[in-house]
């Protein structure tokens, strides 16, 4: 989906060329993934004269919050603290990253409803 969001519309060949170096996926694998995404109404197929083009049927902004929540619940039982603990214990955070986290937490505290 990320590639389609960044480079839409794309043909099967274009997607394979983009994805193969990072994922090792063959044309057949990319095609199967596209079929699954079409079945889930996440991708649309535009049939063309020379090549079919694939376009996202959903916006990244609409999907990201729900996917993040799903991941948090599946992996960390909904605990943001456990997620941050896992992230920060694996890598040393830069000063910039720590400042960004502080700003996020300050904003959350300001917007918190008690």
N, C-alpha and C. Protein backbone atom coordinates (compact mmCIF):
# COMPACT_ATOMS: atom_id res chain seq x y z
N UNK A 1 0.83 -1.19 0.00
CA UNK A 1 0.00 0.00 0.00
C UNK A 1 0.87 1.25 0.00
N UNK A 2 1.95 1.20 0.76
CA UNK A 2 2.81 2.37 0.85
C UNK A 2 3.31 2.79 -0.54
N UNK A 3 3.72 1.82 -1.34
CA UNK A 3 4.20 2.13 -2.68
C UNK A 3 3.08 2.72 -3.53
N UNK A 4 1.89 2.15 -3.44
CA UNK A 4 0.77 2.69 -4.20
C UNK A 4 0.40 4.10 -3.75
N UNK A 5 0.45 4.35 -2.45
CA UNK A 5 0.17 5.69 -1.96
C UNK A 5 1.19 6.70 -2.50
N UNK A 6 2.43 6.26 -2.64
CA UNK A 6 3.48 7.15 -3.11
C UNK A 6 3.54 7.27 -4.63
N UNK A 7 3.16 6.18 -5.33
CA UNK A 7 3.31 6.14 -6.79
C UNK A 7 2.05 5.59 -7.45
N UNK A 8 1.04 6.38 -7.48
CA UNK A 8 -0.21 5.91 -8.05
C UNK A 8 -0.58 6.76 -9.25
N UNK A 9 -1.09 6.17 -10.30
CA UNK A 9 -1.33 4.75 -10.51
C UNK A 9 -0.03 4.03 -10.87
N UNK A 10 -0.02 2.71 -10.65
CA UNK A 10 1.15 1.88 -10.99
C UNK A 10 0.69 0.60 -11.66
N UNK A 11 1.51 0.11 -12.56
CA UNK A 11 1.25 -1.17 -13.20
C UNK A 11 1.88 -2.28 -12.36
N UNK A 12 1.53 -3.52 -12.67
CA UNK A 12 2.11 -4.66 -11.97
C UNK A 12 3.63 -4.66 -12.13
N UNK A 13 4.10 -4.37 -13.33
CA UNK A 13 5.54 -4.33 -13.58
C UNK A 13 6.24 -3.26 -12.76
N UNK A 14 5.64 -2.08 -12.69
CA UNK A 14 6.23 -0.99 -11.91
C UNK A 14 6.28 -1.34 -10.43
N UNK A 15 5.20 -1.93 -9.93
CA UNK A 15 5.16 -2.30 -8.52
C UNK A 15 6.20 -3.38 -8.22
N UNK A 16 6.32 -4.36 -9.11
CA UNK A 16 7.30 -5.43 -8.90
C UNK A 16 8.71 -4.87 -8.89
N UNK A 17 9.00 -3.98 -9.84
CA UNK A 17 10.33 -3.37 -9.93
C UNK A 17 10.66 -2.59 -8.66
N UNK A 18 9.67 -1.91 -8.10
CA UNK A 18 9.88 -1.12 -6.89
C UNK A 18 10.03 -2.01 -5.66
N UNK A 19 9.19 -3.04 -5.56
CA UNK A 19 9.16 -3.86 -4.35
C UNK A 19 10.24 -4.94 -4.29
N UNK A 20 10.66 -5.46 -5.43
CA UNK A 20 11.57 -6.61 -5.46
C UNK A 20 12.89 -6.39 -4.71
N UNK A 21 13.56 -5.25 -4.89
CA UNK A 21 14.84 -5.11 -4.17
C UNK A 21 14.70 -5.16 -2.65
N UNK A 22 13.62 -4.62 -2.12
CA UNK A 22 13.44 -4.57 -0.66
C UNK A 22 12.82 -5.85 -0.11
N UNK A 23 11.88 -6.43 -0.87
CA UNK A 23 11.12 -7.57 -0.35
C UNK A 23 11.51 -8.91 -0.95
N UNK A 24 12.09 -8.89 -2.14
CA UNK A 24 12.40 -10.13 -2.85
C UNK A 24 11.18 -10.73 -3.53
N UNK A 25 10.06 -9.99 -3.53
CA UNK A 25 8.83 -10.50 -4.12
C UNK A 25 8.93 -10.58 -5.63
N UNK A 26 8.43 -11.67 -6.17
CA UNK A 26 8.37 -11.85 -7.62
C UNK A 26 7.09 -11.20 -8.15
N UNK A 27 6.97 -11.17 -9.45
CA UNK A 27 5.77 -10.63 -10.10
C UNK A 27 4.52 -11.39 -9.62
N UNK A 28 4.65 -12.70 -9.50
CA UNK A 28 3.50 -13.52 -9.06
C UNK A 28 3.08 -13.16 -7.63
N UNK A 29 4.04 -12.94 -6.77
CA UNK A 29 3.73 -12.60 -5.38
C UNK A 29 3.04 -11.23 -5.30
N UNK A 30 3.55 -10.26 -6.05
CA UNK A 30 2.94 -8.93 -6.07
C UNK A 30 1.51 -9.03 -6.61
N UNK A 31 1.31 -9.85 -7.64
CA UNK A 31 -0.02 -10.02 -8.21
C UNK A 31 -0.99 -10.61 -7.19
N UNK A 32 -0.54 -11.61 -6.44
CA UNK A 32 -1.39 -12.21 -5.40
C UNK A 32 -1.74 -11.19 -4.33
N UNK A 33 -0.76 -10.39 -3.91
CA UNK A 33 -1.02 -9.36 -2.91
C UNK A 33 -2.03 -8.34 -3.44
N UNK A 34 -1.90 -7.96 -4.69
CA UNK A 34 -2.85 -7.01 -5.28
C UNK A 34 -4.26 -7.59 -5.33
N UNK A 35 -4.35 -8.87 -5.68
CA UNK A 35 -5.67 -9.52 -5.70
C UNK A 35 -6.31 -9.50 -4.32
N UNK A 36 -5.51 -9.75 -3.29
CA UNK A 36 -6.03 -9.73 -1.92
C UNK A 36 -6.47 -8.32 -1.52
N UNK A 37 -5.69 -7.33 -1.89
CA UNK A 37 -6.03 -5.94 -1.57
C UNK A 37 -7.28 -5.49 -2.32
N UNK A 38 -7.44 -5.96 -3.54
CA UNK A 38 -8.65 -5.65 -4.30
C UNK A 38 -9.86 -6.29 -3.63
N UNK A 39 -9.72 -7.55 -3.18
CA UNK A 39 -10.81 -8.25 -2.51
C UNK A 39 -11.22 -7.54 -1.22
N UNK A 40 -10.27 -6.86 -0.58
CA UNK A 40 -10.56 -6.13 0.66
C UNK A 40 -10.98 -4.69 0.38
N UNK A 41 -11.16 -4.35 -0.89
CA UNK A 41 -11.54 -3.00 -1.31
C UNK A 41 -10.52 -1.94 -0.90
N UNK A 42 -9.26 -2.33 -0.80
CA UNK A 42 -8.20 -1.38 -0.47
C UNK A 42 -7.53 -0.85 -1.74
N UNK A 43 -7.65 -1.60 -2.83
CA UNK A 43 -7.04 -1.23 -4.11
C UNK A 43 -8.07 -1.40 -5.21
N UNK A 44 -7.99 -0.52 -6.21
CA UNK A 44 -8.84 -0.62 -7.39
C UNK A 44 -7.98 -0.93 -8.61
N UNK A 45 -8.54 -1.71 -9.50
CA UNK A 45 -7.87 -2.03 -10.76
C UNK A 45 -8.52 -1.20 -11.86
N UNK A 46 -7.71 -0.44 -12.57
CA UNK A 46 -8.16 0.29 -13.74
C UNK A 46 -7.62 -0.44 -14.96
N UNK A 47 -8.51 -1.08 -15.70
CA UNK A 47 -8.08 -1.85 -16.86
C UNK A 47 -7.73 -0.90 -17.99
N UNK A 48 -6.52 -1.03 -18.50
CA UNK A 48 -6.05 -0.17 -19.57
C UNK A 48 -5.89 -0.92 -20.87
N UNK A 49 -5.66 -0.19 -21.92
CA UNK A 49 -5.46 -0.80 -23.23
C UNK A 49 -4.15 -1.57 -23.28
N UNK A 50 -3.08 -0.96 -22.75
CA UNK A 50 -1.76 -1.59 -22.80
C UNK A 50 -1.39 -2.29 -21.50
N UNK A 51 -1.78 -1.72 -20.39
CA UNK A 51 -1.45 -2.32 -19.09
C UNK A 51 -2.50 -1.92 -18.07
N UNK A 52 -2.77 -2.83 -17.14
CA UNK A 52 -3.69 -2.51 -16.05
C UNK A 52 -2.95 -1.65 -15.04
N UNK A 53 -3.68 -0.72 -14.46
CA UNK A 53 -3.09 0.14 -13.43
C UNK A 53 -3.82 -0.09 -12.12
N UNK A 54 -3.06 -0.02 -11.06
CA UNK A 54 -3.59 -0.20 -9.72
C UNK A 54 -3.51 1.13 -8.97
N UNK A 55 -4.59 1.43 -8.27
CA UNK A 55 -4.66 2.67 -7.49
C UNK A 55 -5.23 2.36 -6.11
N UNK A 56 -4.81 3.11 -5.10
CA UNK A 56 -5.38 2.89 -3.78
C UNK A 56 -6.85 3.29 -3.76
N UNK A 57 -7.65 2.50 -3.08
CA UNK A 57 -9.08 2.82 -2.92
C UNK A 57 -9.33 3.43 -1.55
N UNK A 58 -8.30 3.48 -0.73
CA UNK A 58 -8.40 4.05 0.61
C UNK A 58 -7.24 5.02 0.81
N UNK A 59 -7.46 6.01 1.65
CA UNK A 59 -6.42 6.99 1.97
C UNK A 59 -5.60 6.51 3.16
N UNK A 60 -4.31 6.81 3.11
CA UNK A 60 -3.41 6.46 4.21
C UNK A 60 -3.91 7.07 5.52
N UNK A 61 -4.37 8.31 5.45
CA UNK A 61 -4.82 9.02 6.65
C UNK A 61 -6.03 8.34 7.29
N UNK A 62 -6.83 7.66 6.48
CA UNK A 62 -8.01 6.96 7.00
C UNK A 62 -7.64 5.63 7.63
N UNK A 63 -6.56 5.03 7.19
CA UNK A 63 -6.18 3.69 7.62
C UNK A 63 -5.22 3.70 8.81
N UNK A 64 -4.30 4.63 8.84
CA UNK A 64 -3.22 4.63 9.83
C UNK A 64 -3.70 4.57 11.28
N UNK A 65 -4.67 5.38 11.69
CA UNK A 65 -5.08 5.31 13.10
C UNK A 65 -5.64 3.94 13.49
N UNK A 66 -6.47 3.36 12.66
CA UNK A 66 -7.06 2.05 12.97
C UNK A 66 -6.00 0.96 12.98
N UNK A 67 -5.07 1.02 12.04
CA UNK A 67 -4.00 0.01 11.99
C UNK A 67 -3.07 0.13 13.19
N UNK A 68 -2.79 1.36 13.60
CA UNK A 68 -1.95 1.58 14.77
C UNK A 68 -2.63 1.02 16.01
N UNK A 69 -3.91 1.30 16.16
CA UNK A 69 -4.68 0.80 17.31
C UNK A 69 -4.72 -0.73 17.31
N UNK A 70 -4.93 -1.32 16.14
CA UNK A 70 -4.96 -2.78 16.02
C UNK A 70 -3.62 -3.38 16.42
N UNK A 71 -2.53 -2.80 15.93
CA UNK A 71 -1.19 -3.28 16.27
C UNK A 71 -0.94 -3.17 17.77
N UNK A 72 -1.28 -2.03 18.34
CA UNK A 72 -1.08 -1.80 19.77
C UNK A 72 -1.84 -2.84 20.59
N UNK A 73 -3.07 -3.14 20.21
CA UNK A 73 -3.87 -4.12 20.94
C UNK A 73 -3.34 -5.54 20.76
N UNK A 74 -2.95 -5.89 19.54
CA UNK A 74 -2.47 -7.25 19.27
C UNK A 74 -1.14 -7.54 19.96
N UNK A 75 -0.23 -6.60 19.87
CA UNK A 75 1.14 -6.86 20.32
C UNK A 75 1.39 -6.45 21.76
N UNK A 76 0.76 -5.37 22.21
CA UNK A 76 1.06 -4.83 23.53
C UNK A 76 -0.17 -4.73 24.43
N UNK A 77 -1.20 -5.50 24.13
CA UNK A 77 -2.43 -5.48 24.92
C UNK A 77 -2.96 -4.06 25.14
N UNK A 78 -2.74 -3.20 24.16
CA UNK A 78 -3.25 -1.84 24.24
C UNK A 78 -2.41 -0.89 25.07
N UNK A 79 -1.28 -1.35 25.56
CA UNK A 79 -0.44 -0.53 26.45
C UNK A 79 0.56 0.31 25.67
N UNK A 80 0.34 1.61 25.66
CA UNK A 80 1.28 2.52 25.01
C UNK A 80 2.62 2.51 25.76
N UNK A 81 2.55 2.39 27.07
CA UNK A 81 3.77 2.34 27.87
C UNK A 81 4.66 1.16 27.48
N UNK A 82 4.05 -0.02 27.28
CA UNK A 82 4.82 -1.19 26.88
C UNK A 82 5.43 -0.99 25.49
N UNK A 83 4.69 -0.36 24.60
CA UNK A 83 5.20 -0.09 23.26
C UNK A 83 6.42 0.82 23.33
N UNK A 84 6.31 1.93 24.05
CA UNK A 84 7.44 2.86 24.16
C UNK A 84 8.63 2.23 24.88
N UNK A 85 8.35 1.41 25.88
CA UNK A 85 9.42 0.72 26.58
C UNK A 85 10.17 -0.20 25.62
N UNK A 86 9.44 -0.93 24.80
CA UNK A 86 10.07 -1.83 23.84
C UNK A 86 10.89 -1.05 22.82
N UNK A 87 10.35 0.05 22.35
CA UNK A 87 11.06 0.86 21.35
C UNK A 87 12.32 1.49 21.92
N UNK A 88 12.22 2.02 23.12
CA UNK A 88 13.37 2.74 23.69
C UNK A 88 14.43 1.81 24.25
N UNK A 89 14.08 0.59 24.59
CA UNK A 89 15.07 -0.34 25.13
C UNK A 89 15.92 -0.96 24.02
N UNK A 90 15.47 -0.89 22.80
CA UNK A 90 16.19 -1.51 21.68
C UNK A 90 17.17 -0.56 21.02
N UNK A 91 16.96 0.74 21.20
CA UNK A 91 17.81 1.71 20.51
C UNK A 91 17.92 2.97 21.35
N UNK A 92 19.08 3.57 21.31
CA UNK A 92 19.27 4.83 22.02
C UNK A 92 18.59 5.94 21.22
N UNK A 93 17.75 6.70 21.90
CA UNK A 93 17.03 7.78 21.23
C UNK A 93 17.91 9.02 21.12
N UNK A 94 17.79 9.72 20.02
CA UNK A 94 18.52 10.97 19.84
C UNK A 94 17.82 12.06 20.65
N UNK A 95 18.50 13.16 20.85
CA UNK A 95 17.90 14.30 21.56
C UNK A 95 16.66 14.78 20.82
N UNK A 96 16.72 14.79 19.50
CA UNK A 96 15.57 15.23 18.70
C UNK A 96 14.37 14.31 18.93
N UNK A 97 14.60 13.00 18.94
CA UNK A 97 13.51 12.05 19.16
C UNK A 97 12.90 12.21 20.56
N UNK A 98 13.75 12.42 21.55
CA UNK A 98 13.26 12.62 22.92
C UNK A 98 12.43 13.90 22.99
N UNK A 99 12.90 14.96 22.34
CA UNK A 99 12.13 16.21 22.31
C UNK A 99 10.78 16.03 21.63
N UNK A 100 10.77 15.27 20.52
CA UNK A 100 9.50 15.01 19.82
C UNK A 100 8.53 14.25 20.72
N UNK A 101 9.04 13.26 21.44
CA UNK A 101 8.19 12.49 22.36
C UNK A 101 7.66 13.38 23.48
N UNK A 102 8.51 14.24 24.00
CA UNK A 102 8.06 15.18 25.05
C UNK A 102 6.94 16.07 24.55
N UNK A 103 7.10 16.59 23.33
CA UNK A 103 6.08 17.46 22.75
C UNK A 103 4.76 16.70 22.57
N UNK A 104 4.85 15.46 22.13
CA UNK A 104 3.64 14.64 21.95
C UNK A 104 2.96 14.42 23.29
N UNK A 105 3.74 14.09 24.31
CA UNK A 105 3.18 13.84 25.64
C UNK A 105 2.62 15.13 26.26
N UNK A 106 3.32 16.24 26.07
CA UNK A 106 2.82 17.53 26.58
C UNK A 106 1.49 17.87 25.94
N UNK A 107 1.38 17.65 24.64
CA UNK A 107 0.14 17.94 23.92
C UNK A 107 -0.98 17.01 24.39
N UNK A 108 -0.65 15.74 24.62
CA UNK A 108 -1.65 14.79 25.10
C UNK A 108 -2.14 15.17 26.49
N UNK A 109 -1.21 15.63 27.33
CA UNK A 109 -1.59 16.04 28.68
C UNK A 109 -2.49 17.28 28.63
N UNK A 110 -2.17 18.20 27.73
CA UNK A 110 -2.97 19.41 27.60
C UNK A 110 -4.40 19.08 27.12
N UNK A 111 -4.52 18.09 26.27
CA UNK A 111 -5.82 17.74 25.70
C UNK A 111 -6.56 16.67 26.49
N UNK A 112 -5.95 16.17 27.55
CA UNK A 112 -6.55 15.10 28.34
C UNK A 112 -7.83 15.56 29.04
N UNK A 113 -8.81 14.69 28.99
CA UNK A 113 -10.08 14.95 29.69
C UNK A 113 -10.07 14.12 30.96
N UNK A 114 -10.20 14.80 32.07
CA UNK A 114 -10.16 14.06 33.35
C UNK A 114 -11.52 13.68 33.80
